[in-house]
Protein backbone atom coordinates (compact mmCIF):
# COMPACT_ATOMS: atom_id res chain seq x y z
CA MET A 1 -13.23 -67.14 -7.87
CA THR A 2 -13.12 -63.68 -6.27
CA HIS A 3 -13.62 -60.70 -8.52
CA TYR A 4 -11.62 -57.70 -7.34
CA LEU A 5 -12.26 -54.05 -8.01
CA VAL A 6 -9.67 -52.63 -10.43
CA GLU A 7 -8.99 -48.89 -10.55
CA ILE A 8 -7.39 -47.43 -13.68
CA PHE A 9 -6.15 -43.85 -13.85
CA TRP A 10 -3.81 -41.66 -15.92
CA SER A 11 -0.40 -40.88 -14.40
CA ASP A 12 1.48 -37.86 -15.71
CA GLU A 13 4.57 -39.03 -13.84
CA ASP A 14 4.53 -42.45 -15.52
CA GLU A 15 3.17 -41.11 -18.82
CA GLY A 16 0.62 -43.87 -19.01
CA TYR A 17 -2.29 -45.56 -17.31
CA ILE A 18 -1.85 -47.25 -13.94
CA ALA A 19 -4.13 -50.07 -12.85
CA THR A 20 -4.36 -51.09 -9.19
CA VAL A 21 -6.30 -53.63 -7.14
CA PRO A 22 -7.07 -51.96 -3.77
CA ASP A 23 -7.64 -55.33 -2.04
CA LEU A 24 -4.22 -56.65 -3.10
CA PRO A 25 -1.56 -54.32 -1.63
CA GLY A 26 1.13 -53.44 -4.15
CA CYS A 27 -0.67 -55.09 -7.06
CA SER A 28 -0.39 -52.64 -9.94
CA ALA A 29 0.33 -52.51 -13.66
CA TRP A 30 1.11 -49.93 -16.34
CA GLY A 31 -0.15 -49.51 -19.88
CA GLN A 32 -0.02 -46.96 -22.68
CA THR A 33 -3.81 -47.27 -22.98
CA ARG A 34 -6.59 -48.09 -20.51
CA GLU A 35 -7.10 -51.38 -22.31
CA GLU A 36 -3.43 -52.31 -22.04
CA ALA A 37 -3.37 -51.45 -18.32
CA ALA A 38 -6.51 -53.58 -17.80
CA LYS A 39 -4.88 -56.56 -19.54
CA GLU A 40 -1.63 -56.14 -17.60
CA ILE A 41 -3.44 -55.96 -14.23
CA GLU A 42 -5.05 -59.33 -14.95
CA ASP A 43 -1.59 -60.88 -15.19
CA ALA A 44 -0.34 -58.95 -12.14
CA GLN A 45 -3.37 -60.03 -10.11
CA ALA A 46 -2.87 -63.69 -11.03
CA ALA A 47 0.83 -63.49 -10.10
CA TRP A 48 0.02 -61.72 -6.81
CA ILE A 49 -2.49 -64.41 -5.81
CA GLU A 50 -0.13 -67.22 -6.87
CA ALA A 51 2.69 -65.73 -4.75
CA CYS A 52 0.32 -65.33 -1.81
CA GLN A 53 -0.79 -68.95 -2.03
CA ALA A 54 2.79 -70.20 -2.48
CA SER A 55 3.84 -68.43 0.73
CA GLY A 56 0.94 -69.96 2.65
CA GLU A 57 -0.71 -66.59 3.28
CA PRO A 58 -4.50 -66.31 2.99
CA VAL A 59 -5.76 -64.66 -0.20
CA PRO A 60 -7.87 -61.58 0.64
CA ALA A 61 -11.60 -62.15 0.19
CA GLY A 62 -12.08 -58.72 -1.35
CA LYS A 63 -13.95 -56.01 0.48
CA PHE A 64 -14.75 -54.02 -2.65
CA SER A 65 -17.39 -55.29 -5.02
CA VAL A 66 -19.27 -54.18 -8.07
CA GLN A 67 -22.19 -53.22 -5.81
CA THR A 68 -20.06 -50.69 -3.89
CA MET A 69 -18.59 -49.14 -7.01
CA ARG A 70 -19.87 -45.60 -7.50
CA LYS A 71 -20.36 -43.81 -10.77
CA ILE A 72 -20.81 -40.14 -11.47
CA VAL A 73 -24.34 -39.74 -12.78
CA HIS A 74 -24.37 -35.96 -13.24
CA ALA A 75 -21.70 -33.27 -13.50
CA LYS A 76 -22.19 -29.52 -13.76
CA VAL A 77 -19.54 -26.81 -13.91
CA VAL A 78 -20.30 -24.34 -11.11
CA GLY A 79 -17.10 -22.25 -11.10
CA ASN A 80 -13.90 -21.61 -13.06
CA THR A 81 -12.32 -24.79 -11.67
CA VAL A 82 -15.22 -26.44 -9.80
CA VAL A 83 -17.53 -29.23 -10.92
CA ARG A 84 -20.60 -30.31 -8.95
CA LEU A 85 -20.75 -34.09 -8.97
CA ASN A 86 -23.69 -36.37 -8.23
CA PHE A 87 -22.83 -40.01 -7.56
CA SER A 88 -24.88 -43.16 -8.14
CA ASP A 89 -25.30 -43.72 -4.38
CA GLY A 90 -27.15 -40.40 -4.01
CA SER A 91 -24.18 -38.49 -2.60
CA ALA A 92 -22.88 -35.24 -4.08
CA GLY A 93 -20.04 -32.77 -3.75
CA ASP A 94 -18.30 -29.85 -5.42
CA TYR A 95 -14.82 -30.80 -6.58
CA ASP A 96 -12.25 -28.05 -7.19
CA LEU A 97 -9.69 -29.02 -9.83
CA ARG A 98 -7.52 -25.93 -9.22
CA ASP A 99 -4.60 -27.95 -7.79
CA LEU A 100 -4.63 -30.31 -10.79
CA ILE A 101 -4.86 -27.45 -13.28
CA GLU A 102 -2.02 -25.57 -11.58
CA ARG A 103 0.28 -28.56 -12.16
CA ASP A 104 0.23 -27.40 -15.80
CA THR A 105 0.82 -30.82 -17.34
CA VAL A 106 0.13 -31.77 -20.94
CA MET A 107 -3.21 -33.27 -19.89
CA THR A 108 -4.34 -30.55 -17.45
CA ARG A 109 -3.15 -27.43 -19.31
CA PRO A 110 -6.25 -27.26 -21.57
CA LEU A 111 -8.49 -27.18 -18.48
CA SER A 112 -7.15 -23.71 -17.62
CA ASP A 113 -9.23 -22.38 -20.55
CA PRO A 114 -12.75 -21.82 -19.12
CA ALA A 115 -14.40 -22.70 -22.44
CA PHE A 116 -12.54 -26.03 -22.55
CA PHE A 117 -13.19 -26.68 -18.84
CA HIS A 118 -16.93 -26.36 -19.51
CA ARG A 119 -16.70 -29.13 -22.13
CA CYS A 120 -16.49 -31.85 -19.45
CA PHE A 121 -18.69 -34.88 -19.96
CA LEU A 122 -19.34 -38.27 -18.40
CA GLU A 123 -18.19 -41.54 -19.88
CA LEU A 124 -18.76 -44.86 -18.13
CA GLY A 125 -19.29 -42.99 -14.86
CA ALA A 126 -16.02 -41.03 -15.03
CA LEU A 127 -15.48 -37.27 -15.44
CA CYS A 128 -13.82 -36.62 -18.82
CA TRP A 129 -12.64 -33.90 -21.21
CA PRO A 130 -12.18 -34.03 -24.99
CA ASN A 131 -8.36 -34.25 -24.72
CA GLY A 132 -8.61 -37.66 -23.01
CA PHE A 133 -8.14 -36.40 -19.45
CA GLU A 134 -10.41 -38.32 -17.11
CA LEU A 135 -10.95 -38.73 -13.40
CA SER A 136 -12.54 -41.84 -11.93
CA ALA A 137 -15.61 -41.61 -9.73
CA SER A 138 -13.87 -43.59 -6.98
CA SER A 139 -10.89 -41.23 -6.76
CA LEU A 140 -13.09 -38.12 -6.82
CA TYR A 141 -15.41 -39.57 -4.18
CA ARG A 142 -12.45 -40.51 -1.97
CA LYS A 143 -10.93 -37.02 -2.24
CA LEU A 144 -14.26 -35.30 -1.54
CA THR A 145 -14.75 -37.55 1.49
CA GLU A 146 -11.23 -36.80 2.78
CA GLN A 147 -11.92 -33.07 2.40
CA GLY A 148 -15.28 -33.36 4.19
CA GLU A 149 -17.02 -32.10 1.05
CA ILE A 150 -19.34 -35.03 0.34
CA SER A 151 -23.03 -34.85 1.25
CA ARG A 152 -25.49 -37.67 1.24
CA ALA A 153 -29.08 -37.52 0.10
CA HIS A 154 -31.63 -38.00 2.85
CA ARG A 155 -34.17 -40.63 2.00
CA ALA A 156 -37.58 -40.95 3.60
């Protein structure tokens, strides 16, 4: 049985957590909590695979694995809206949350207070704040890569 990477993130638009399986296009689920979204994605994944098999299409092997999953191992606030992130694969980058903060949503509004912004912490490899706002390592890494802001450690 193939184990697929599941990404879970908060959606202001949907007012809940969204779970997706990157290897299974369109496979997603919603939940009021992370746990509920995780449970719902299990059912969605099973239904997606069943529909794929029923149509005679090959089931994707899964290009993402636990080994390729990155975690944030260190985070340090280095500006009013910037956090320096170090990832488990040795890469690093400075992520500017200004655009998220300027959206002024219920979850991001507290981050506009510098004292609150500095209260970020890591939980299970994700960047978090005391109000429950969290950003996954995979989404931050992807955005830093797209912006050309990721650097990799040189190893001898």
